[in-house]
C-alpha atoms as a PDB file:
ATOM      1  CA  MET A   1     -19.080   5.385   0.788  1.00  0.00           C
ATOM      2  CA  LEU A   2     -19.423   2.280   2.931  1.00  0.00           C
ATOM      3  CA  ASN A   3     -21.918  -0.436   2.052  1.00  0.00           C
ATOM      4  CA  PRO A   4     -23.940  -1.407   5.176  1.00  0.00           C
ATOM      5  CA  ILE A   5     -24.519  -4.960   3.922  1.00  0.00           C
ATOM      6  CA  GLU A   6     -20.820  -5.461   3.311  1.00  0.00           C
ATOM      7  CA  GLU A   7     -19.902  -3.935   6.664  1.00  0.00           C
ATOM      8  CA  ALA A   8     -22.232  -6.424   8.385  1.00  0.00           C
ATOM      9  CA  LYS A   9     -20.381  -9.272   6.656  1.00  0.00           C
ATOM     10  CA  PHE A  10     -17.041  -7.948   7.890  1.00  0.00           C
ATOM     11  CA  ALA A  11     -18.472  -7.756  11.410  1.00  0.00           C
ATOM     12  CA  LYS A  12     -19.519 -11.414  11.153  1.00  0.00           C
ATOM     13  CA  LEU A  13     -16.049 -12.302   9.866  1.00  0.00           C
ATOM     14  CA  ARG A  14     -14.436 -10.776  12.939  1.00  0.00           C
ATOM     15  CA  VAL A  15     -16.807 -12.718  15.227  1.00  0.00           C
ATOM     16  CA  LEU A  16     -16.045 -15.954  13.393  1.00  0.00           C
ATOM     17  CA  ALA A  17     -12.314 -15.326  13.688  1.00  0.00           C
ATOM     18  CA  VAL A  18     -12.660 -14.970  17.470  1.00  0.00           C
ATOM     19  CA  GLU A  19     -14.587 -18.246  17.612  1.00  0.00           C
ATOM     20  CA  LEU A  20     -11.818 -19.958  15.645  1.00  0.00           C
ATOM     21  CA  GLY A  21      -9.107 -18.440  17.822  1.00  0.00           C
ATOM     22  CA  VAL A  22      -7.307 -16.541  15.034  1.00  0.00           C
ATOM     23  CA  PRO A  23      -7.007 -12.808  14.310  1.00  0.00           C
ATOM     24  CA  SER A  24      -9.197 -11.643  11.446  1.00  0.00           C
ATOM     25  CA  PRO A  25      -7.461 -10.544   8.231  1.00  0.00           C
ATOM     26  CA  PRO A  26      -6.128  -6.971   8.003  1.00  0.00           C
ATOM     27  CA  GLU A  27      -8.818  -4.508   6.902  1.00  0.00           C
ATOM     28  CA  ILE A  28      -8.342  -1.311   4.903  1.00  0.00           C
ATOM     29  CA  MET A  29     -10.236   1.949   5.142  1.00  0.00           C
ATOM     30  CA  ILE A  30      -9.371   4.713   2.686  1.00  0.00           C
ATOM     31  CA  GLY A  31     -10.201   8.294   3.610  1.00  0.00           C
ATOM     32  CA  LEU A  32     -10.489  10.807   0.763  1.00  0.00           C
ATOM     33  CA  LYS A  33     -10.757  14.556   1.318  1.00  0.00           C
ATOM     34  CA  VAL A  34     -10.530  17.440  -1.145  1.00  0.00           C
ATOM     35  CA  HIS A  35     -10.067  21.057  -0.083  1.00  0.00           C
ATOM     36  CA  ASP A  36     -10.476  23.755  -2.722  1.00  0.00           C
ATOM     37  CA  LYS A  37      -7.974  26.565  -3.275  1.00  0.00           C
ATOM     38  CA  ASN A  38      -9.635  28.544  -0.486  1.00  0.00           C
ATOM     39  CA  GLY A  39      -9.218  25.695   2.005  1.00  0.00           C
ATOM     40  CA  THR A  40     -12.907  24.758   2.006  1.00  0.00           C
ATOM     41  CA  LEU A  41     -13.696  21.050   2.311  1.00  0.00           C
ATOM     42  CA  VAL A  42     -15.578  20.091  -0.876  1.00  0.00           C
ATOM     43  CA  PHE A  43     -15.343  16.279  -0.805  1.00  0.00           C
ATOM     44  CA  ASP A  44     -15.181  13.878   2.140  1.00  0.00           C
ATOM     45  CA  ASP A  45     -15.591  10.132   1.773  1.00  0.00           C
ATOM     46  CA  ILE A  46     -14.451   6.820   3.275  1.00  0.00           C
ATOM     47  CA  GLN A  47     -14.183   3.703   1.130  1.00  0.00           C
ATOM     48  CA  ARG A  48     -13.216   0.158   2.080  1.00  0.00           C
ATOM     49  CA  GLY A  49     -10.178  -1.289   0.357  1.00  0.00           C
ATOM     50  CA  HIS A  50     -10.565  -4.888  -0.746  1.00  0.00           C
ATOM     51  CA  SER A  51      -7.578  -5.358  -2.891  1.00  0.00           C
ATOM     52  CA  TRP A  52      -4.433  -6.830  -1.359  1.00  0.00           C
ATOM     53  CA  THR A  53      -2.266  -8.018  -4.225  1.00  0.00           C
ATOM     54  CA  ARG A  54      -0.445 -11.310  -4.771  1.00  0.00           C
ATOM     55  CA  ASN A  55       2.693  -9.471  -3.669  1.00  0.00           C
ATOM     56  CA  PHE A  56       1.091  -8.878  -0.273  1.00  0.00           C
ATOM     57  CA  TYR A  57      -0.044 -12.450   0.266  1.00  0.00           C
ATOM     58  CA  ASN A  58       3.215 -13.963  -1.002  1.00  0.00           C
ATOM     59  CA  MET A  59       5.283 -11.752   1.294  1.00  0.00           C
ATOM     60  CA  LEU A  60       2.996 -12.532   4.230  1.00  0.00           C
ATOM     61  CA  PHE A  61       3.407 -16.280   3.698  1.00  0.00           C
ATOM     62  CA  ALA A  62       7.129 -16.053   2.940  1.00  0.00           C
ATOM     63  CA  SER A  63       7.944 -14.044   6.058  1.00  0.00           C
ATOM     64  CA  SER A  64       6.025 -16.557   8.197  1.00  0.00           C
ATOM     65  CA  CYS A  65       7.877 -19.672   7.099  1.00  0.00           C
ATOM     66  CA  ASP A  66      11.230 -18.656   5.587  1.00  0.00           C
ATOM     67  CA  VAL A  67      10.420 -19.058   1.901  1.00  0.00           C
ATOM     68  CA  ILE A  68      10.951 -15.750   0.142  1.00  0.00           C
ATOM     69  CA  GLY A  69      10.623 -17.405  -3.232  1.00  0.00           C
ATOM     70  CA  ASP A  70      10.781 -20.731  -4.992  1.00  0.00           C
ATOM     71  CA  GLY A  71      13.721 -19.836  -7.190  1.00  0.00           C
ATOM     72  CA  ALA A  72      11.452 -19.765 -10.220  1.00  0.00           C
ATOM     73  CA  ASN A  73      11.368 -16.826 -12.617  1.00  0.00           C
ATOM     74  CA  ASN A  74       7.563 -16.757 -12.706  1.00  0.00           C
ATOM     75  CA  PHE A  75       4.778 -14.781 -11.082  1.00  0.00           C
ATOM     76  CA  GLY A  76       1.218 -15.912 -10.479  1.00  0.00           C
ATOM     77  CA  ALA A  77      -0.702 -18.861  -9.086  1.00  0.00           C
ATOM     78  CA  GLY A  78       1.656 -21.580  -7.890  1.00  0.00           C
ATOM     79  CA  TYR A  79       4.737 -19.345  -7.567  1.00  0.00           C
ATOM     80  CA  MET A  80       6.154 -17.723  -4.438  1.00  0.00           C
ATOM     81  CA  SER A  81       7.709 -14.609  -5.938  1.00  0.00           C
ATOM     82  CA  GLY A  82       7.135 -10.872  -6.063  1.00  0.00           C
ATOM     83  CA  LYS A  83       6.684  -8.589  -9.053  1.00  0.00           C
ATOM     84  CA  ARG A  84       8.090  -5.079  -8.772  1.00  0.00           C
ATOM     85  CA  THR A  85       6.556  -1.941 -10.183  1.00  0.00           C
ATOM     86  CA  ASP A  86       9.134  -2.010 -12.993  1.00  0.00           C
ATOM     87  CA  ALA A  87       7.829  -5.500 -13.947  1.00  0.00           C
ATOM     88  CA  THR A  88      10.975  -7.332 -12.829  1.00  0.00           C
ATOM     89  CA  LEU A  89      10.626 -10.331 -10.522  1.00  0.00           C
ATOM     90  CA  GLY A  90      12.053 -10.753  -7.046  1.00  0.00           C
ATOM     91  CA  TYR A  91      12.646 -14.317  -5.914  1.00  0.00           C
ATOM     92  CA  SER A  92      15.171 -16.540  -4.160  1.00  0.00           C
ATOM     93  CA  ALA A  93      15.259 -19.878  -2.410  1.00  0.00           C
ATOM     94  CA  SER A  94      14.776 -18.659   1.158  1.00  0.00           C
ATOM     95  CA  TYR A  95      15.336 -15.845   3.599  1.00  0.00           C
ATOM     96  CA  SER A  96      18.745 -17.354   4.394  1.00  0.00           C
ATOM     97  CA  THR A  97      20.024 -15.684   1.219  1.00  0.00           C
ATOM     98  CA  VAL A  98      19.031 -12.204   2.366  1.00  0.00           C
ATOM     99  CA  ARG A  99      19.719 -12.147   6.084  1.00  0.00           C
ATOM    100  CA  ALA A 100      22.146  -9.577   7.424  1.00  0.00           C
ATOM    101  CA  ASN A 101      25.702 -10.869   7.666  1.00  0.00           C
ATOM    102  CA  THR A 102      28.695  -8.971   9.015  1.00  0.00           C
ATOM    103  CA  SER A 103      31.371 -11.436   7.894  1.00  0.00           C
ATOM    104  CA  GLY A 104      31.977  -9.625   4.628  1.00  0.00           C
ATOM    105  CA  ASP A 105      30.960 -12.574   2.491  1.00  0.00           C
ATOM    106  CA  GLY A 106      28.625 -10.552   0.287  1.00  0.00           C
ATOM    107  CA  SER A 107      25.410 -11.477   2.074  1.00  0.00           C
ATOM    108  CA  VAL A 108      22.771  -8.783   2.003  1.00  0.00           C
ATOM    109  CA  ALA A 109      20.482  -7.197   4.521  1.00  0.00           C
ATOM    110  CA  VAL A 110      16.996  -6.147   3.497  1.00  0.00           C
ATOM    111  CA  LEU A 111      16.002  -2.864   5.098  1.00  0.00           C
ATOM    112  CA  GLY A 112      12.575  -1.547   4.306  1.00  0.00           C
ATOM    113  CA  ALA A 113      12.518   2.060   3.221  1.00  0.00           C
ATOM    114  CA  GLY A 114       8.854   1.519   3.854  1.00  0.00           C
ATOM    115  CA  LEU A 115       6.198   4.040   2.915  1.00  0.00           C
ATOM    116  CA  GLY A 116       7.398   7.408   4.207  1.00  0.00           C
ATOM    117  CA  ASN A 117      10.223   9.885   3.614  1.00  0.00           C
ATOM    118  CA  ASN A 118       9.398  10.202  -0.065  1.00  0.00           C
ATOM    119  CA  SER A 119       9.145  13.877  -0.987  1.00  0.00           C
ATOM    120  CA  THR A 120       7.968  14.446  -4.589  1.00  0.00           C
ATOM    121  CA  ASP A 121       8.388  10.695  -5.145  1.00  0.00           C
ATOM    122  CA  ALA A 122       5.520   8.934  -6.900  1.00  0.00           C
ATOM    123  CA  THR A 123       7.294   5.571  -6.963  1.00  0.00           C
ATOM    124  CA  PHE A 124       6.350   4.422  -3.454  1.00  0.00           C
ATOM    125  CA  GLY A 125       4.089   5.150  -0.524  1.00  0.00           C
ATOM    126  CA  VAL A 126       0.483   6.186  -1.118  1.00  0.00           C
ATOM    127  CA  VAL A 127       0.010   6.745  -4.842  1.00  0.00           C
ATOM    128  CA  VAL A 128      -2.936   7.776  -6.999  1.00  0.00           C
ATOM    129  CA  GLY A 129      -3.980   7.233 -10.605  1.00  0.00           C
ATOM    130  CA  THR A 130      -6.617   7.908 -13.248  1.00  0.00           C
ATOM    131  CA  ASP A 131      -7.612   4.435 -14.464  1.00  0.00           C
ATOM    132  CA  ASN A 132     -10.573   2.360 -13.269  1.00  0.00           C
ATOM    133  CA  THR A 133      -9.556  -1.011 -14.714  1.00  0.00           C
ATOM    134  CA  ALA A 134     -10.952  -3.736 -12.459  1.00  0.00           C
ATOM    135  CA  PHE A 135      -8.645  -5.023  -9.730  1.00  0.00           C
ATOM    136  CA  SER A 136      -6.603  -8.176 -10.276  1.00  0.00           C
ATOM    137  CA  ALA A 137      -4.326  -9.772  -7.680  1.00  0.00           C
ATOM    138  CA  GLU A 138      -1.641 -10.027 -10.355  1.00  0.00           C
ATOM    139  CA  GLN A 139      -1.358  -6.245 -10.751  1.00  0.00           C
ATOM    140  CA  TYR A 140       2.026  -4.849  -9.721  1.00  0.00           C
ATOM    141  CA  GLY A 141       1.439  -1.124 -10.190  1.00  0.00           C
ATOM    142  CA  LEU A 142      -1.325   1.387 -10.749  1.00  0.00           C
ATOM    143  CA  ILE A 143      -2.685   1.256 -14.284  1.00  0.00           C
ATOM    144  CA  ALA A 144      -2.279   5.017 -14.894  1.00  0.00           C
ATOM    145  CA  ILE A 145      -0.294   6.519 -12.036  1.00  0.00           C
ATOM    146  CA  ILE A 146      -0.311  10.303 -11.745  1.00  0.00           C
ATOM    147  CA  ALA A 147       3.239  11.637 -11.970  1.00  0.00           C
ATOM    148  CA  SER A 148       4.646  14.000  -9.376  1.00  0.00           C
ATOM    149  CA  GLY A 149       5.061  17.582 -10.542  1.00  0.00           C
ATOM    150  CA  ASN A 150       3.246  20.775 -11.413  1.00  0.00           C
ATOM    151  CA  GLY A 151       2.733  20.140 -15.114  1.00  0.00           C
ATOM    152  CA  ALA A 152      -0.385  19.101 -17.006  1.00  0.00           C
ATOM    153  CA  GLY A 153      -1.935  15.950 -15.560  1.00  0.00           C
ATOM    154  CA  GLN A 154       0.405  15.921 -12.550  1.00  0.00           C
ATOM    155  CA  PHE A 155       0.044  16.245  -8.777  1.00  0.00           C
ATOM    156  CA  ALA A 156       2.653  17.682  -6.427  1.00  0.00           C
ATOM    157  CA  TYR A 157       3.271  14.682  -4.144  1.00  0.00           C
ATOM    158  CA  ASN A 158       3.939  15.733  -0.550  1.00  0.00           C
ATOM    159  CA  THR A 159       6.264  13.857   1.784  1.00  0.00           C
ATOM    160  CA  MET A 160       4.566  11.171   3.846  1.00  0.00           C
ATOM    161  CA  ALA A 161       5.199  11.105   7.558  1.00  0.00           C
ATOM    162  CA  ALA A 162       6.189   7.845   9.172  1.00  0.00           C
ATOM    163  CA  PRO A 163       3.201   5.519   9.658  1.00  0.00           C
ATOM    164  CA  VAL A 164       1.489   5.807  13.038  1.00  0.00           C
ATOM    165  CA  ALA A 165       0.535   2.546  14.750  1.00  0.00           C
ATOM    166  CA  SER A 166      -1.837   2.478  17.716  1.00  0.00           C
ATOM    167  CA  TYR A 167      -3.550  -0.120  19.900  1.00  0.00           C
ATOM    168  CA  THR A 168      -7.086   0.284  21.241  1.00  0.00           C
ATOM    169  CA  ALA A 169      -7.454  -1.805  24.375  1.00  0.00           C
ATOM    170  CA  GLY A 170     -11.247  -1.732  24.368  1.00  0.00           C
ATOM    171  CA  THR A 171     -11.590  -3.386  20.971  1.00  0.00           C
ATOM    172  CA  LYS A 172      -8.160  -5.082  21.090  1.00  0.00           C
ATOM    173  CA  THR A 173      -7.422  -3.698  17.664  1.00  0.00           C
ATOM    174  CA  TRP A 174      -4.169  -2.554  16.120  1.00  0.00           C
ATOM    175  CA  LYS A 175      -4.390   0.230  13.544  1.00  0.00           C
ATOM    176  CA  ASN A 176      -1.720   1.735  11.325  1.00  0.00           C
ATOM    177  CA  THR A 177      -2.375   5.069   9.635  1.00  0.00           C
ATOM    178  CA  VAL A 178      -0.540   6.510   6.644  1.00  0.00           C
ATOM    179  CA  VAL A 179      -1.418   9.869   5.089  1.00  0.00           C
ATOM    180  CA  ARG A 180      -0.355  11.648   1.932  1.00  0.00           C
ATOM    181  CA  ILE A 181      -1.315  15.037   0.539  1.00  0.00           C
ATOM    182  CA  PHE A 182      -1.415  15.859  -3.170  1.00  0.00           C
ATOM    183  CA  ASN A 183      -1.613  19.398  -4.561  1.00  0.00           C
ATOM    184  CA  ASN A 184      -3.065  20.036  -8.001  1.00  0.00           C
ATOM    185  CA  ASN A 185      -1.050  22.821  -9.627  1.00  0.00           C
ATOM    186  CA  SER A 186      -1.525  21.386 -13.109  1.00  0.00           C
ATOM    187  CA  GLY A 187      -3.818  24.046 -14.525  1.00  0.00           C
ATOM    188  CA  GLY A 188      -6.774  21.683 -14.904  1.00  0.00           C
ATOM    189  CA  SER A 189      -9.031  19.282 -13.033  1.00  0.00           C
ATOM    190  CA  ILE A 190      -7.813  15.700 -12.490  1.00  0.00           C
ATOM    191  CA  THR A 191     -10.107  12.808 -11.566  1.00  0.00           C
ATOM    192  CA  VAL A 192      -8.606  10.162  -9.290  1.00  0.00           C
ATOM    193  CA  LYS A 193     -10.000   6.684  -9.964  1.00  0.00           C
ATOM    194  CA  GLU A 194      -7.449   4.394  -8.294  1.00  0.00           C
ATOM    195  CA  VAL A 195      -5.223   4.496  -5.219  1.00  0.00           C
ATOM    196  CA  GLY A 196      -2.529   2.162  -3.998  1.00  0.00           C
ATOM    197  CA  LEU A 197       0.174   1.343  -1.472  1.00  0.00           C
ATOM    198  CA  ILE A 198       3.683   0.697  -2.767  1.00  0.00           C
ATOM    199  CA  PHE A 199       6.322  -0.574  -0.341  1.00  0.00           C
ATOM    200  CA  SER A 200       9.999   0.145  -0.952  1.00  0.00           C
ATOM    201  CA  TRP A 201      12.740  -2.290   0.052  1.00  0.00           C
ATOM    202  CA  LEU A 202      16.309  -1.008   0.191  1.00  0.00           C
ATOM    203  CA  MET A 203      18.983  -3.693  -0.189  1.00  0.00           C
ATOM    204  CA  PHE A 204      22.405  -3.381   1.488  1.00  0.00           C
ATOM    205  CA  THR A 205      25.480  -5.514   0.869  1.00  0.00           C
ATOM    206  CA  ASN A 206      28.940  -5.400   2.374  1.00  0.00           C
ATOM    207  CA  THR A 207      29.921  -3.181  -0.562  1.00  0.00           C
ATOM    208  CA  GLY A 208      27.066  -0.714  -0.281  1.00  0.00           C
ATOM    209  CA  SER A 209      23.411  -0.374  -1.181  1.00  0.00           C
ATOM    210  CA  SER A 210      21.545  -1.332  -4.314  1.00  0.00           C
ATOM    211  CA  PRO A 211      18.563   0.455  -5.883  1.00  0.00           C
ATOM    212  CA  SER A 212      15.388   0.066  -3.860  1.00  0.00           C
ATOM    213  CA  LYS A 213      12.808  -2.495  -4.934  1.00  0.00           C
ATOM    214  CA  LYS A 214       9.209  -1.298  -5.143  1.00  0.00           C
ATOM    215  CA  TYR A 215       6.231  -3.640  -4.666  1.00  0.00           C
ATOM    216  CA  LEU A 216       2.537  -2.785  -4.993  1.00  0.00           C
ATOM    217  CA  MET A 217       0.795  -4.210  -1.928  1.00  0.00           C
ATOM    218  CA  GLU A 218      -2.728  -2.886  -2.460  1.00  0.00           C
ATOM    219  CA  ARG A 219      -4.740  -1.261  -5.240  1.00  0.00           C
ATOM    220  CA  SER A 220      -8.310  -0.019  -4.878  1.00  0.00           C
ATOM    221  CA  VAL A 221     -10.595   1.213  -7.650  1.00  0.00           C
ATOM    222  CA  LEU A 222     -12.622   4.105  -6.256  1.00  0.00           C
ATOM    223  CA  SER A 223     -16.386   4.462  -6.335  1.00  0.00           C
ATOM    224  CA  PRO A 224     -17.194   7.278  -6.336  1.00  0.00           C
ATOM    225  CA  THR A 225     -14.181   8.720  -8.067  1.00  0.00           C
ATOM    226  CA  VAL A 226     -12.614  11.967  -6.821  1.00  0.00           C
ATOM    227  CA  ALA A 227     -12.406  15.122  -8.943  1.00  0.00           C
ATOM    228  CA  VAL A 228      -9.599  17.442  -7.846  1.00  0.00           C
ATOM    229  CA  ALA A 229      -9.878  20.913  -9.356  1.00  0.00           C
ATOM    230  CA  ASN A 230      -6.872  23.024 -10.249  1.00  0.00           C
ATOM    231  CA  GLY A 231      -5.544  24.644  -7.082  1.00  0.00           C
ATOM    232  CA  ALA A 232      -7.228  22.067  -4.850  1.00  0.00           C
ATOM    233  CA  GLN A 233      -5.609  19.657  -2.416  1.00  0.00           C
ATOM    234  CA  LEU A 234      -6.331  15.927  -2.044  1.00  0.00           C
ATOM    235  CA  THR A 235      -5.643  14.070   1.206  1.00  0.00           C
ATOM    236  CA  VAL A 236      -5.587  10.261   1.101  1.00  0.00           C
ATOM    237  CA  THR A 237      -5.547   8.369   4.395  1.00  0.00           C
ATOM    238  CA  TYR A 238      -4.966   4.619   4.572  1.00  0.00           C
ATOM    239  CA  GLU A 239      -6.006   2.945   7.821  1.00  0.00           C
ATOM    240  CA  VAL A 240      -5.019  -0.715   8.051  1.00  0.00           C
ATOM    241  CA  SER A 241      -6.405  -2.488  11.108  1.00  0.00           C
ATOM    242  CA  MET A 242      -6.424  -5.972  12.636  1.00  0.00           C
ATOM    243  CA  ASP A 243      -8.679  -7.289  15.386  1.00  0.00           C
ATOM    244  CA  PHE A 244      -6.507  -9.167  17.902  1.00  0.00           C
ATOM    245  CA  SER A 245      -9.327 -10.037  20.309  1.00  0.00           C
ATOM    246  CA  ALA A 246      -8.910 -13.739  19.478  1.00  0.00           C
ATOM    247  CA  ILE A 247      -5.515 -13.758  21.198  1.00  0.00           C
ATOM    248  CA  ASP A 248      -5.342 -10.648  23.421  1.00  0.00           C
END
């Protein structure tokens, strides 16, 4: 449920960005729908996401100015590194160490597996969980992610389609939409209290590929939470938009 007072503040932010000549920050809208086992819509809500993580901001800065890390094995304020969902750190001196190279010298190319093509995979893409611990920028995974499957406490994670980007000329806004469907075949009701976006990077070297690296980019604590009964289906839609009217 959107807060009118907060939405007015975001509207003012977009106006201020135009006055300053810079695009406003990317905004997140999270759509949540539940259909019961008969296909009837029983829950329909839109909530604003506020919670880009340190991973997101560090990667945004690093990709803008060729510093993908500071070479320090630390994560937090004052460090330009990323923390993966398995709690390991990703860091290096600059993008020059990870650019594609065809000379066979061992250099690596970073190819994003992105958010889609992840059937039954709860390790990346849109993910959901059952914990309502307050958001912190230092978080690198959901607090209590729901596993993929048909057992107790699990959701059947459906494959995500490739994200769909679109431009609206009237408002000069870019929007990217990602959708994932979850089926509850667990035998009991499950209450979703957190959602997130996990991006997967797949590393290639001249000798082959390495395991993908997963980074939590956004985590939102839901209010209201979403109860998904046994046999029901949850659809989560992330819409990330940016107002480009300052430059378009």
